[in-house]
PDB file of N, CA and C in Angstrom:
ATOM      1  N   MET A   1       0.960  15.765   7.765  1.00  0.00           N
ATOM      2  CA  MET A   1       0.617  14.510   7.151  1.00  0.00           C
ATOM      3  C   MET A   1       1.728  14.133   6.180  1.00  0.00           C
ATOM      4  N   ILE A   2       2.005  12.857   6.119  1.00  0.00           N
ATOM      5  CA  ILE A   2       3.002  12.315   5.205  1.00  0.00           C
ATOM      6  C   ILE A   2       2.267  11.410   4.227  1.00  0.00           C
ATOM      7  N   SER A   3       2.420  11.635   2.950  1.00  0.00           N
ATOM      8  CA  SER A   3       1.824  10.764   1.949  1.00  0.00           C
ATOM      9  C   SER A   3       2.870   9.764   1.497  1.00  0.00           C
ATOM     10  N   GLU A   4       2.565   8.488   1.651  1.00  0.00           N
ATOM     11  CA  GLU A   4       3.503   7.437   1.268  1.00  0.00           C
ATOM     12  C   GLU A   4       2.993   6.777   0.002  1.00  0.00           C
ATOM     13  N   THR A   5       3.808   6.741  -1.043  1.00  0.00           N
ATOM     14  CA  THR A   5       3.361   6.205  -2.325  1.00  0.00           C
ATOM     15  C   THR A   5       3.397   4.687  -2.392  1.00  0.00           C
ATOM     16  N   SER A   6       4.081   4.045  -1.471  1.00  0.00           N
ATOM     17  CA  SER A   6       4.059   2.583  -1.436  1.00  0.00           C
ATOM     18  C   SER A   6       3.911   2.140   0.006  1.00  0.00           C
ATOM     19  N   ALA A   7       3.523   0.909   0.174  1.00  0.00           N
ATOM     20  CA  ALA A   7       3.273   0.409   1.518  1.00  0.00           C
ATOM     21  C   ALA A   7       4.553   0.215   2.306  1.00  0.00           C
ATOM     22  N   GLY A   8       5.692   0.251   1.648  1.00  0.00           N
ATOM     23  CA  GLY A   8       6.962   0.122   2.362  1.00  0.00           C
ATOM     24  C   GLY A   8       6.994  -1.141   3.180  1.00  0.00           C
ATOM     25  N   ASP A   9       7.381  -1.033   4.432  1.00  0.00           N
ATOM     26  CA  ASP A   9       7.453  -2.200   5.302  1.00  0.00           C
ATOM     27  C   ASP A   9       6.185  -2.336   6.128  1.00  0.00           C
ATOM     28  N   ALA A  10       5.042  -2.374   5.449  1.00  0.00           N
ATOM     29  CA  ALA A  10       3.754  -2.473   6.120  1.00  0.00           C
ATOM     30  C   ALA A  10       3.583  -3.797   6.849  1.00  0.00           C
ATOM     31  N   SER A  11       4.419  -4.792   6.548  1.00  0.00           N
ATOM     32  CA  SER A  11       4.283  -6.090   7.203  1.00  0.00           C
ATOM     33  C   SER A  11       4.554  -6.002   8.700  1.00  0.00           C
ATOM     34  N   ARG A  12       5.283  -5.003   9.142  1.00  0.00           N
ATOM     35  CA  ARG A  12       5.570  -4.848  10.568  1.00  0.00           C
ATOM     36  C   ARG A  12       4.467  -4.120  11.324  1.00  0.00           C
ATOM     37  N   LEU A  13       3.561  -3.494  10.607  1.00  0.00           N
ATOM     38  CA  LEU A  13       2.482  -2.761  11.246  1.00  0.00           C
ATOM     39  C   LEU A  13       1.329  -3.695  11.580  1.00  0.00           C
ATOM     40  N   GLU A  14       0.643  -3.411  12.681  1.00  0.00           N
ATOM     41  CA  GLU A  14      -0.535  -4.184  13.064  1.00  0.00           C
ATOM     42  C   GLU A  14      -1.761  -3.350  12.726  1.00  0.00           C
ATOM     43  N   TRP A  15      -2.414  -3.686  11.623  1.00  0.00           N
ATOM     44  CA  TRP A  15      -3.547  -2.931  11.114  1.00  0.00           C
ATOM     45  C   TRP A  15      -4.840  -3.400  11.774  1.00  0.00           C
ATOM     46  N   PHE A  16      -5.762  -2.469  11.993  1.00  0.00           N
ATOM     47  CA  PHE A  16      -7.076  -2.835  12.516  1.00  0.00           C
ATOM     48  C   PHE A  16      -8.133  -1.925  11.907  1.00  0.00           C
ATOM     49  N   LYS A  17      -9.374  -2.408  11.935  1.00  0.00           N
ATOM     50  CA  LYS A  17     -10.522  -1.652  11.434  1.00  0.00           C
ATOM     51  C   LYS A  17     -11.356  -1.187  12.609  1.00  0.00           C
ATOM     52  N   ASN A  18     -12.141  -0.168  12.383  1.00  0.00           N
ATOM     53  CA  ASN A  18     -13.051   0.345  13.385  1.00  0.00           C
ATOM     54  C   ASN A  18     -14.089  -0.719  13.713  1.00  0.00           C
ATOM     55  N   SER A  19     -14.456  -0.822  14.966  1.00  0.00           N
ATOM     56  CA  SER A  19     -15.456  -1.807  15.374  1.00  0.00           C
ATOM     57  C   SER A  19     -16.833  -1.501  14.789  1.00  0.00           C
ATOM     58  N   TYR A  20     -17.038  -0.294  14.290  1.00  0.00           N
ATOM     59  CA  TYR A  20     -18.308   0.080  13.672  1.00  0.00           C
ATOM     60  C   TYR A  20     -18.353  -0.232  12.184  1.00  0.00           C
ATOM     61  N   SER A  21     -17.320  -0.854  11.638  1.00  0.00           N
ATOM     62  CA  SER A  21     -17.310  -1.189  10.215  1.00  0.00           C
ATOM     63  C   SER A  21     -18.474  -2.109   9.889  1.00  0.00           C
ATOM     64  N   ASP A  22     -19.020  -1.938   8.718  1.00  0.00           N
ATOM     65  CA  ASP A  22     -20.142  -2.739   8.251  1.00  0.00           C
ATOM     66  C   ASP A  22     -19.688  -4.181   8.045  1.00  0.00           C
ATOM     67  N   SER A  23     -20.163  -5.087   8.869  1.00  0.00           N
ATOM     68  CA  SER A  23     -19.725  -6.483   8.777  1.00  0.00           C
ATOM     69  C   SER A  23     -20.246  -7.178   7.531  1.00  0.00           C
ATOM     70  N   SER A  24     -21.291  -6.648   6.883  1.00  0.00           N
ATOM     71  CA  SER A  24     -21.812  -7.283   5.668  1.00  0.00           C
ATOM     72  C   SER A  24     -20.923  -7.012   4.463  1.00  0.00           C
ATOM     73  N   ASN A  25     -20.075  -5.974   4.540  1.00  0.00           N
ATOM     74  CA  ASN A  25     -19.160  -5.667   3.447  1.00  0.00           C
ATOM     75  C   ASN A  25     -17.868  -5.147   4.061  1.00  0.00           C
ATOM     76  N   SER A  26     -17.090  -6.039   4.603  1.00  0.00           N
ATOM     77  CA  SER A  26     -15.919  -5.665   5.397  1.00  0.00           C
ATOM     78  C   SER A  26     -14.799  -5.014   4.596  1.00  0.00           C
ATOM     79  N   ASN A  27     -14.890  -5.009   3.270  1.00  0.00           N
ATOM     80  CA  ASN A  27     -13.835  -4.390   2.466  1.00  0.00           C
ATOM     81  C   ASN A  27     -14.032  -2.895   2.264  1.00  0.00           C
ATOM     82  N   GLU A  28     -15.153  -2.339   2.685  1.00  0.00           N
ATOM     83  CA  GLU A  28     -15.402  -0.907   2.525  1.00  0.00           C
ATOM     84  C   GLU A  28     -15.043  -0.184   3.809  1.00  0.00           C
ATOM     85  N   CYS A  29     -13.766  -0.060   4.039  1.00  0.00           N
ATOM     86  CA  CYS A  29     -13.316   0.513   5.296  1.00  0.00           C
ATOM     87  C   CYS A  29     -11.879   1.000   5.142  1.00  0.00           C
ATOM     88  N   VAL A  30     -11.473   1.821   6.056  1.00  0.00           N
ATOM     89  CA  VAL A  30     -10.054   2.137   6.155  1.00  0.00           C
ATOM     90  C   VAL A  30      -9.492   1.369   7.330  1.00  0.00           C
ATOM     91  N   GLU A  31      -8.206   1.119   7.284  1.00  0.00           N
ATOM     92  CA  GLU A  31      -7.526   0.438   8.379  1.00  0.00           C
ATOM     93  C   GLU A  31      -6.495   1.390   8.960  1.00  0.00           C
ATOM     94  N   VAL A  32      -6.223   1.210  10.241  1.00  0.00           N
ATOM     95  CA  VAL A  32      -5.303   2.082  10.964  1.00  0.00           C
ATOM     96  C   VAL A  32      -4.247   1.225  11.654  1.00  0.00           C
ATOM     97  N   ALA A  33      -3.024   1.722  11.686  1.00  0.00           N
ATOM     98  CA  ALA A  33      -1.932   1.093  12.435  1.00  0.00           C
ATOM     99  C   ALA A  33      -1.178   2.215  13.150  1.00  0.00           C
ATOM    100  N   THR A  34      -0.789   1.969  14.381  1.00  0.00           N
ATOM    101  CA  THR A  34      -0.081   2.998  15.136  1.00  0.00           C
ATOM    102  C   THR A  34       1.377   2.613  15.347  1.00  0.00           C
ATOM    103  N   THR A  35       2.220   3.626  15.350  1.00  0.00           N
ATOM    104  CA  THR A  35       3.632   3.486  15.681  1.00  0.00           C
ATOM    105  C   THR A  35       3.952   4.621  16.656  1.00  0.00           C
ATOM    106  N   PRO A  36       5.101   4.591  17.304  1.00  0.00           N
ATOM    107  CA  PRO A  36       5.414   5.675  18.234  1.00  0.00           C
ATOM    108  C   PRO A  36       5.400   7.067  17.599  1.00  0.00           C
ATOM    109  N   GLY A  37       5.713   7.172  16.317  1.00  0.00           N
ATOM    110  CA  GLY A  37       5.792   8.489  15.697  1.00  0.00           C
ATOM    111  C   GLY A  37       4.643   8.872  14.792  1.00  0.00           C
ATOM    112  N   ALA A  38       3.705   7.939  14.514  1.00  0.00           N
ATOM    113  CA  ALA A  38       2.656   8.251  13.545  1.00  0.00           C
ATOM    114  C   ALA A  38       1.484   7.281  13.654  1.00  0.00           C
ATOM    115  N   VAL A  39       0.371   7.715  13.070  1.00  0.00           N
ATOM    116  CA  VAL A  39      -0.782   6.850  12.868  1.00  0.00           C
ATOM    117  C   VAL A  39      -0.902   6.678  11.360  1.00  0.00           C
ATOM    118  N   HIS A  40      -0.898   5.436  10.902  1.00  0.00           N
ATOM    119  CA  HIS A  40      -0.935   5.111   9.481  1.00  0.00           C
ATOM    120  C   HIS A  40      -2.364   4.719   9.095  1.00  0.00           C
ATOM    121  N   VAL A  41      -2.807   5.141   7.919  1.00  0.00           N
ATOM    122  CA  VAL A  41      -4.150   4.854   7.437  1.00  0.00           C
ATOM    123  C   VAL A  41      -4.035   4.328   6.011  1.00  0.00           C
ATOM    124  N   ARG A  42      -4.785   3.260   5.716  1.00  0.00           N
ATOM    125  CA  ARG A  42      -4.796   2.701   4.358  1.00  0.00           C
ATOM    126  C   ARG A  42      -6.203   2.244   4.001  1.00  0.00           C
ATOM    127  N   ASP A  43      -6.429   2.070   2.713  1.00  0.00           N
ATOM    128  CA  ASP A  43      -7.698   1.585   2.180  1.00  0.00           C
ATOM    129  C   ASP A  43      -7.717   0.063   2.283  1.00  0.00           C
ATOM    130  N   SER A  44      -8.740  -0.491   2.897  1.00  0.00           N
ATOM    131  CA  SER A  44      -8.798  -1.948   3.068  1.00  0.00           C
ATOM    132  C   SER A  44      -8.980  -2.689   1.747  1.00  0.00           C
ATOM    133  N   LYS A  45      -9.385  -1.987   0.687  1.00  0.00           N
ATOM    134  CA  LYS A  45      -9.532  -2.623  -0.631  1.00  0.00           C
ATOM    135  C   LYS A  45      -8.226  -2.659  -1.406  1.00  0.00           C
ATOM    136  N   ASN A  46      -7.200  -1.956  -0.915  1.00  0.00           N
ATOM    137  CA  ASN A  46      -5.919  -1.873  -1.623  1.00  0.00           C
ATOM    138  C   ASN A  46      -4.783  -1.959  -0.598  1.00  0.00           C
ATOM    139  N   LEU A  47      -4.624  -3.099   0.016  1.00  0.00           N
ATOM    140  CA  LEU A  47      -3.675  -3.264   1.118  1.00  0.00           C
ATOM    141  C   LEU A  47      -2.235  -2.897   0.778  1.00  0.00           C
ATOM    142  N   PRO A  48      -1.710  -3.260  -0.383  1.00  0.00           N
ATOM    143  CA  PRO A  48      -0.317  -2.893  -0.666  1.00  0.00           C
ATOM    144  C   PRO A  48      -0.172  -1.473  -1.226  1.00  0.00           C
ATOM    145  N   GLY A  49      -1.277  -0.787  -1.432  1.00  0.00           N
ATOM    146  CA  GLY A  49      -1.241   0.528  -2.060  1.00  0.00           C
ATOM    147  C   GLY A  49      -0.799   1.647  -1.138  1.00  0.00           C
ATOM    148  N   PRO A  50      -1.071   2.874  -1.550  1.00  0.00           N
ATOM    149  CA  PRO A  50      -0.636   4.049  -0.789  1.00  0.00           C
ATOM    150  C   PRO A  50      -1.278   4.098   0.597  1.00  0.00           C
ATOM    151  N   ARG A  51      -0.627   4.781   1.485  1.00  0.00           N
ATOM    152  CA  ARG A  51      -1.192   5.007   2.815  1.00  0.00           C
ATOM    153  C   ARG A  51      -0.774   6.395   3.275  1.00  0.00           C
ATOM    154  N   LEU A  52      -1.459   6.888   4.264  1.00  0.00           N
ATOM    155  CA  LEU A  52      -1.150   8.184   4.846  1.00  0.00           C
ATOM    156  C   LEU A  52      -0.587   7.968   6.238  1.00  0.00           C
ATOM    157  N   ALA A  53       0.273   8.867   6.667  1.00  0.00           N
ATOM    158  CA  ALA A  53       0.816   8.813   8.021  1.00  0.00           C
ATOM    159  C   ALA A  53       0.602  10.184   8.650  1.00  0.00           C
ATOM    160  N   PHE A  54      -0.005  10.201   9.825  1.00  0.00           N
ATOM    161  CA  PHE A  54      -0.295  11.431  10.548  1.00  0.00           C
ATOM    162  C   PHE A  54       0.495  11.466  11.846  1.00  0.00           C
ATOM    163  N   GLY A  55       1.019  12.625  12.185  1.00  0.00           N
ATOM    164  CA  GLY A  55       1.632  12.806  13.491  1.00  0.00           C
ATOM    165  C   GLY A  55       0.551  12.762  14.562  1.00  0.00           C
ATOM    166  N   ALA A  56       0.950  12.585  15.811  1.00  0.00           N
ATOM    167  CA  ALA A  56      -0.013  12.443  16.912  1.00  0.00           C
ATOM    168  C   ALA A  56      -0.960  13.635  17.008  1.00  0.00           C
ATOM    169  N   GLY A  57      -0.439  14.847  16.914  1.00  0.00           N
ATOM    170  CA  GLY A  57      -1.282  16.034  17.025  1.00  0.00           C
ATOM    171  C   GLY A  57      -2.313  16.126  15.918  1.00  0.00           C
ATOM    172  N   ALA A  58      -1.903  15.835  14.700  1.00  0.00           N
ATOM    173  CA  ALA A  58      -2.828  15.868  13.564  1.00  0.00           C
ATOM    174  C   ALA A  58      -3.910  14.804  13.720  1.00  0.00           C
ATOM    175  N   TRP A  59      -3.541  13.628  14.201  1.00  0.00           N
ATOM    176  CA  TRP A  59      -4.514  12.548  14.369  1.00  0.00           C
ATOM    177  C   TRP A  59      -5.532  12.907  15.451  1.00  0.00           C
ATOM    178  N   VAL A  60      -5.061  13.441  16.573  1.00  0.00           N
ATOM    179  CA  VAL A  60      -5.970  13.837  17.651  1.00  0.00           C
ATOM    180  C   VAL A  60      -6.939  14.901  17.148  1.00  0.00           C
ATOM    181  N   GLY A  61      -6.430  15.855  16.384  1.00  0.00           N
ATOM    182  CA  GLY A  61      -7.309  16.883  15.824  1.00  0.00           C
ATOM    183  C   GLY A  61      -8.342  16.308  14.888  1.00  0.00           C
ATOM    184  N   PHE A  62      -7.943  15.378  14.040  1.00  0.00           N
ATOM    185  CA  PHE A  62      -8.861  14.726  13.106  1.00  0.00           C
ATOM    186  C   PHE A  62      -9.940  13.948  13.850  1.00  0.00           C
ATOM    187  N   VAL A  63      -9.548  13.128  14.817  1.00  0.00           N
ATOM    188  CA  VAL A  63     -10.513  12.322  15.574  1.00  0.00           C
ATOM    189  C   VAL A  63     -11.462  13.228  16.357  1.00  0.00           C
ATOM    190  N   SER A  64     -10.943  14.282  16.985  1.00  0.00           N
ATOM    191  CA  SER A  64     -11.793  15.213  17.730  1.00  0.00           C
ATOM    192  C   SER A  64     -12.819  15.869  16.820  1.00  0.00           C
ATOM    193  N   HIS A  65     -12.360  16.290  15.642  1.00  0.00           N
ATOM    194  CA  HIS A  65     -13.269  16.935  14.690  1.00  0.00           C
ATOM    195  C   HIS A  65     -14.352  15.978  14.219  1.00  0.00           C
ATOM    196  N   THR A  66     -13.983  14.772  13.853  1.00  0.00           N
ATOM    197  CA  THR A  66     -14.977  13.830  13.345  1.00  0.00           C
ATOM    198  C   THR A  66     -15.938  13.371  14.431  1.00  0.00           C
ATOM    199  N   ALA A  67     -15.494  13.317  15.675  1.00  0.00           N
ATOM    200  CA  ALA A  67     -16.385  12.918  16.771  1.00  0.00           C
ATOM    201  C   ALA A  67     -17.483  13.957  16.991  1.00  0.00           C
ATOM    202  N   ARG A  68     -17.188  15.219  16.689  1.00  0.00           N
ATOM    203  CA  ARG A  68     -18.180  16.288  16.868  1.00  0.00           C
ATOM    204  C   ARG A  68     -19.141  16.385  15.698  1.00  0.00           C
ATOM    205  N   HIS A  69     -18.827  15.757  14.573  1.00  0.00           N
ATOM    206  CA  HIS A  69     -19.674  15.901  13.383  1.00  0.00           C
ATOM    207  C   HIS A  69     -20.274  14.610  12.975  1.00  0.00           C
TER     208      HIS A  69
END
């Protein structure tokens, strides 16, 4: 995992929210953007703030784990 202290060039990323996000309060969610080398995650309440970047293997492991729990 890579911790990024600023959003950097986040304008080039295409962010999206999970389709299961609560539509009555759409700001309580994380957003995800994919690039060839990483999956980026940010807080939808703080768009220019910090974000995390995960390599493909780490992301697959995270999604697999959360799907089972």
